[in-house]
Amino acid sequence: MFQLLYPLIRAVQPFLVPVCCVCAWVLVLMLASNLWSAVAASVARSKRMHQIPCANCAFFTGDYRLKCPVRPTIALTEEAIGCSDHRHNNKIA
């Protein structure tokens, strides 16, 4: 049985190394692309999260039960960006 496949294997053998090399590089490039897009998405998300003004607001309590008495449902969420009730905290720690 293997004697019938031997000529086929000998015919395909010169093409195996280049095909495997190309496949390996395609996998490496796909991995690098996925890592790059994950890092870019993380940076964009962190920039968005740093725009939330609640921690510097005069109404922010810091208590986990009631973070903001004015707008408790949106405190520390992305909805709080551009909050009309935000007052900058002028306290010196």
N, C-alpha and C. Protein backbone atom coordinates (compact mmCIF):
# COMPACT_ATOMS: atom_id res chain seq x y z
N MET A 1 0.82 -1.19 0.00
CA MET A 1 0.00 0.00 0.00
C MET A 1 0.86 1.25 0.00
N PHE A 2 1.90 1.26 0.88
CA PHE A 2 2.75 2.44 0.94
C PHE A 2 3.61 2.60 -0.31
N GLN A 3 3.85 1.50 -1.03
CA GLN A 3 4.61 1.61 -2.26
C GLN A 3 3.83 2.37 -3.32
N LEU A 4 2.50 2.35 -3.24
CA LEU A 4 1.68 3.11 -4.19
C LEU A 4 1.71 4.60 -3.87
N LEU A 5 1.86 4.95 -2.60
CA LEU A 5 1.89 6.36 -2.20
C LEU A 5 3.27 6.99 -2.31
N TYR A 6 4.30 6.18 -2.37
CA TYR A 6 5.66 6.70 -2.40
C TYR A 6 5.91 7.65 -3.58
N PRO A 7 5.50 7.35 -4.80
CA PRO A 7 5.72 8.31 -5.90
C PRO A 7 4.96 9.64 -5.68
N LEU A 8 3.79 9.55 -5.08
CA LEU A 8 3.02 10.77 -4.79
C LEU A 8 3.74 11.62 -3.75
N ILE A 9 4.26 11.00 -2.72
CA ILE A 9 4.99 11.71 -1.68
C ILE A 9 6.25 12.35 -2.26
N ARG A 10 6.96 11.64 -3.11
CA ARG A 10 8.17 12.18 -3.75
C ARG A 10 7.82 13.36 -4.65
N ALA A 11 6.66 13.36 -5.27
CA ALA A 11 6.27 14.45 -6.17
C ALA A 11 5.88 15.70 -5.38
N VAL A 12 5.27 15.54 -4.21
CA VAL A 12 4.79 16.67 -3.41
C VAL A 12 5.87 17.23 -2.49
N GLN A 13 6.88 16.45 -2.19
CA GLN A 13 7.90 16.82 -1.22
C GLN A 13 8.59 18.16 -1.50
N PRO A 14 8.93 18.54 -2.71
CA PRO A 14 9.58 19.84 -2.92
C PRO A 14 8.68 21.04 -2.58
N PHE A 15 7.38 20.84 -2.59
CA PHE A 15 6.46 21.94 -2.31
C PHE A 15 6.09 22.05 -0.82
N LEU A 16 6.40 21.02 -0.05
CA LEU A 16 6.00 21.02 1.36
C LEU A 16 6.72 22.08 2.18
N VAL A 17 8.01 22.25 2.00
CA VAL A 17 8.77 23.20 2.80
C VAL A 17 8.29 24.63 2.55
N PRO A 18 8.15 25.09 1.31
CA PRO A 18 7.66 26.46 1.12
C PRO A 18 6.23 26.66 1.63
N VAL A 19 5.38 25.66 1.43
CA VAL A 19 3.99 25.78 1.90
C VAL A 19 3.95 25.85 3.42
N CYS A 20 4.70 25.02 4.08
CA CYS A 20 4.74 25.04 5.55
C CYS A 20 5.34 26.35 6.07
N CYS A 21 6.35 26.86 5.39
CA CYS A 21 6.96 28.13 5.80
C CYS A 21 5.95 29.27 5.68
N VAL A 22 5.23 29.31 4.58
CA VAL A 22 4.22 30.35 4.38
C VAL A 22 3.11 30.22 5.42
N CYS A 23 2.68 29.01 5.70
CA CYS A 23 1.63 28.80 6.72
C CYS A 23 2.11 29.25 8.10
N ALA A 24 3.35 28.96 8.43
CA ALA A 24 3.88 29.37 9.73
C ALA A 24 3.92 30.89 9.84
N TRP A 25 4.37 31.57 8.78
CA TRP A 25 4.44 33.04 8.83
C TRP A 25 3.05 33.66 8.85
N VAL A 26 2.10 33.05 8.18
CA VAL A 26 0.72 33.55 8.23
C VAL A 26 0.18 33.45 9.65
N LEU A 27 0.45 32.35 10.33
CA LEU A 27 0.02 32.20 11.71
C LEU A 27 0.69 33.22 12.62
N VAL A 28 1.97 33.47 12.43
CA VAL A 28 2.68 34.46 13.25
C VAL A 28 2.10 35.85 13.00
N LEU A 29 1.83 36.19 11.77
CA LEU A 29 1.27 37.51 11.46
C LEU A 29 -0.15 37.66 12.00
N MET A 30 -0.93 36.59 11.96
CA MET A 30 -2.28 36.65 12.53
C MET A 30 -2.23 36.85 14.04
N LEU A 31 -1.30 36.18 14.70
CA LEU A 31 -1.13 36.35 16.14
C LEU A 31 -0.72 37.78 16.47
N ALA A 32 0.24 38.32 15.72
CA ALA A 32 0.68 39.69 15.95
C ALA A 32 -0.45 40.68 15.70
N SER A 33 -1.24 40.44 14.69
CA SER A 33 -2.37 41.32 14.39
C SER A 33 -3.41 41.29 15.51
N ASN A 34 -3.70 40.11 16.03
CA ASN A 34 -4.65 40.00 17.13
C ASN A 34 -4.13 40.67 18.39
N LEU A 35 -2.84 40.52 18.68
CA LEU A 35 -2.27 41.18 19.84
C LEU A 35 -2.32 42.70 19.68
N TRP A 36 -1.99 43.18 18.49
CA TRP A 36 -2.02 44.63 18.24
C TRP A 36 -3.43 45.18 18.39
N SER A 37 -4.42 44.50 17.87
CA SER A 37 -5.80 45.00 17.99
C SER A 37 -6.28 44.93 19.44
N ALA A 38 -5.85 43.94 20.20
CA ALA A 38 -6.23 43.87 21.61
C ALA A 38 -5.61 45.01 22.41
N VAL A 39 -4.36 45.32 22.14
CA VAL A 39 -3.70 46.44 22.83
C VAL A 39 -4.36 47.76 22.44
N ALA A 40 -4.67 47.94 21.17
CA ALA A 40 -5.31 49.18 20.72
C ALA A 40 -6.69 49.34 21.35
N ALA A 41 -7.44 48.26 21.45
CA ALA A 41 -8.76 48.33 22.07
C ALA A 41 -8.65 48.63 23.56
N SER A 42 -7.65 48.07 24.22
CA SER A 42 -7.45 48.33 25.65
C SER A 42 -7.06 49.79 25.90
N VAL A 43 -6.22 50.34 25.05
CA VAL A 43 -5.83 51.74 25.20
C VAL A 43 -7.03 52.65 24.97
N ALA A 44 -7.82 52.36 23.95
CA ALA A 44 -9.01 53.18 23.69
C ALA A 44 -10.00 53.10 24.84
N ARG A 45 -10.17 51.91 25.39
CA ARG A 45 -11.10 51.73 26.52
C ARG A 45 -10.61 52.48 27.76
N SER A 46 -9.31 52.41 28.03
CA SER A 46 -8.79 53.10 29.21
C SER A 46 -8.87 54.62 29.05
N LYS A 47 -8.66 55.12 27.84
CA LYS A 47 -8.83 56.56 27.61
C LYS A 47 -10.26 56.98 27.87
N ARG A 48 -11.20 56.15 27.45
CA ARG A 48 -12.62 56.45 27.68
C ARG A 48 -12.95 56.43 29.17
N MET A 49 -12.41 55.46 29.89
CA MET A 49 -12.68 55.35 31.33
C MET A 49 -12.08 56.51 32.12
N HIS A 50 -10.96 57.06 31.66
CA HIS A 50 -10.33 58.18 32.34
C HIS A 50 -11.09 59.49 32.14
N GLN A 51 -12.08 59.50 31.27
CA GLN A 51 -12.89 60.70 31.08
C GLN A 51 -14.03 60.80 32.09
N ILE A 52 -14.26 59.75 32.88
CA ILE A 52 -15.33 59.77 33.87
C ILE A 52 -14.92 60.71 35.00
N PRO A 53 -15.69 61.78 35.25
CA PRO A 53 -15.28 62.81 36.19
C PRO A 53 -15.68 62.56 37.64
N CYS A 54 -16.32 61.47 37.96
CA CYS A 54 -16.92 61.26 39.28
C CYS A 54 -15.94 61.37 40.43
N ALA A 55 -14.75 60.85 40.30
CA ALA A 55 -13.80 60.83 41.41
C ALA A 55 -13.38 62.24 41.83
N ASN A 56 -13.46 63.20 40.93
CA ASN A 56 -13.08 64.58 41.25
C ASN A 56 -14.29 65.48 41.51
N CYS A 57 -15.46 64.91 41.65
CA CYS A 57 -16.69 65.68 41.84
C CYS A 57 -16.90 65.98 43.33
N ALA A 58 -17.47 67.15 43.62
CA ALA A 58 -17.74 67.53 45.00
C ALA A 58 -18.83 66.65 45.61
N PHE A 59 -19.72 66.09 44.80
CA PHE A 59 -20.81 65.26 45.31
C PHE A 59 -20.41 63.80 45.50
N PHE A 60 -19.26 63.40 45.01
CA PHE A 60 -18.82 62.00 45.10
C PHE A 60 -18.50 61.66 46.54
N THR A 61 -19.12 60.59 47.06
CA THR A 61 -18.93 60.22 48.46
C THR A 61 -17.83 59.21 48.68
N GLY A 62 -17.58 58.35 47.71
CA GLY A 62 -16.58 57.29 47.87
C GLY A 62 -17.13 56.07 48.60
N ASP A 63 -18.38 56.12 49.03
CA ASP A 63 -19.02 55.00 49.71
C ASP A 63 -19.57 54.06 48.64
N TYR A 64 -19.33 52.77 48.78
CA TYR A 64 -19.78 51.83 47.76
C TYR A 64 -21.30 51.70 47.70
N ARG A 65 -22.00 52.07 48.77
CA ARG A 65 -23.46 51.96 48.78
C ARG A 65 -24.13 53.13 48.05
N LEU A 66 -23.58 54.32 48.19
CA LEU A 66 -24.14 55.50 47.52
C LEU A 66 -22.97 56.35 47.06
N LYS A 67 -22.56 56.16 45.82
CA LYS A 67 -21.40 56.87 45.30
C LYS A 67 -21.69 58.34 45.05
N CYS A 68 -22.92 58.62 44.59
CA CYS A 68 -23.30 60.00 44.26
C CYS A 68 -24.75 60.21 44.67
N PRO A 69 -25.02 61.17 45.57
CA PRO A 69 -26.41 61.40 45.98
C PRO A 69 -27.23 62.13 44.91
N VAL A 70 -26.58 62.77 43.96
CA VAL A 70 -27.31 63.53 42.94
C VAL A 70 -27.78 62.60 41.82
N ARG A 71 -26.88 61.80 41.27
CA ARG A 71 -27.20 60.87 40.19
C ARG A 71 -26.60 59.49 40.51
N PRO A 72 -27.21 58.76 41.41
CA PRO A 72 -26.62 57.48 41.83
C PRO A 72 -26.63 56.39 40.76
N THR A 73 -27.53 56.48 39.80
CA THR A 73 -27.61 55.41 38.80
C THR A 73 -26.50 55.49 37.76
N ILE A 74 -25.94 56.67 37.56
CA ILE A 74 -24.89 56.79 36.53
C ILE A 74 -23.51 57.02 37.11
N ALA A 75 -23.39 57.07 38.43
CA ALA A 75 -22.10 57.34 39.05
C ALA A 75 -21.08 56.27 38.66
N LEU A 76 -19.91 56.72 38.29
CA LEU A 76 -18.77 55.88 37.89
C LEU A 76 -19.06 55.00 36.67
N THR A 77 -19.96 55.42 35.80
CA THR A 77 -20.21 54.72 34.54
C THR A 77 -19.89 55.66 33.39
N GLU A 78 -19.92 55.13 32.18
CA GLU A 78 -19.64 55.97 31.02
C GLU A 78 -20.74 57.02 30.81
N GLU A 79 -21.91 56.78 31.33
CA GLU A 79 -22.99 57.75 31.22
C GLU A 79 -22.67 59.03 31.99
N ALA A 80 -21.76 58.97 32.95
CA ALA A 80 -21.41 60.13 33.76
C ALA A 80 -20.49 61.10 33.02
N ILE A 81 -19.97 60.72 31.88
CA ILE A 81 -19.14 61.63 31.10
C ILE A 81 -20.03 62.76 30.61
N GLY A 82 -19.66 63.96 30.95
CA GLY A 82 -20.46 65.12 30.57
C GLY A 82 -21.63 65.35 31.51
N CYS A 83 -21.57 64.87 32.74
CA CYS A 83 -22.64 65.04 33.72
C CYS A 83 -22.88 66.52 33.96
N SER A 84 -24.14 66.93 33.86
CA SER A 84 -24.47 68.34 34.03
C SER A 84 -24.39 68.79 35.48
N ASP A 85 -24.40 67.87 36.43
CA ASP A 85 -24.34 68.22 37.85
C ASP A 85 -22.92 68.17 38.41
N HIS A 86 -21.94 67.92 37.58
CA HIS A 86 -20.56 67.79 38.06
C HIS A 86 -20.06 69.13 38.60
N ARG A 87 -19.52 69.09 39.81
CA ARG A 87 -18.87 70.24 40.42
C ARG A 87 -17.48 69.79 40.83
N HIS A 88 -16.47 70.52 40.37
CA HIS A 88 -15.10 70.13 40.66
C HIS A 88 -14.82 70.26 42.16
N ASN A 89 -14.21 69.25 42.71
CA ASN A 89 -13.88 69.23 44.13
C ASN A 89 -12.64 70.06 44.36
N ASN A 90 -12.73 71.10 45.17
CA ASN A 90 -11.58 71.98 45.44
C ASN A 90 -10.89 71.63 46.75
N LYS A 91 -11.29 70.53 47.40
CA LYS A 91 -10.65 70.14 48.65
C LYS A 91 -9.21 69.71 48.40
N ILE A 92 -8.36 70.09 49.31
CA ILE A 92 -6.96 69.62 49.26
C ILE A 92 -6.85 68.46 50.24
N ALA A 93 -6.34 67.36 49.75
CA ALA A 93 -6.31 66.13 50.57
C ALA A 93 -5.37 66.24 51.72
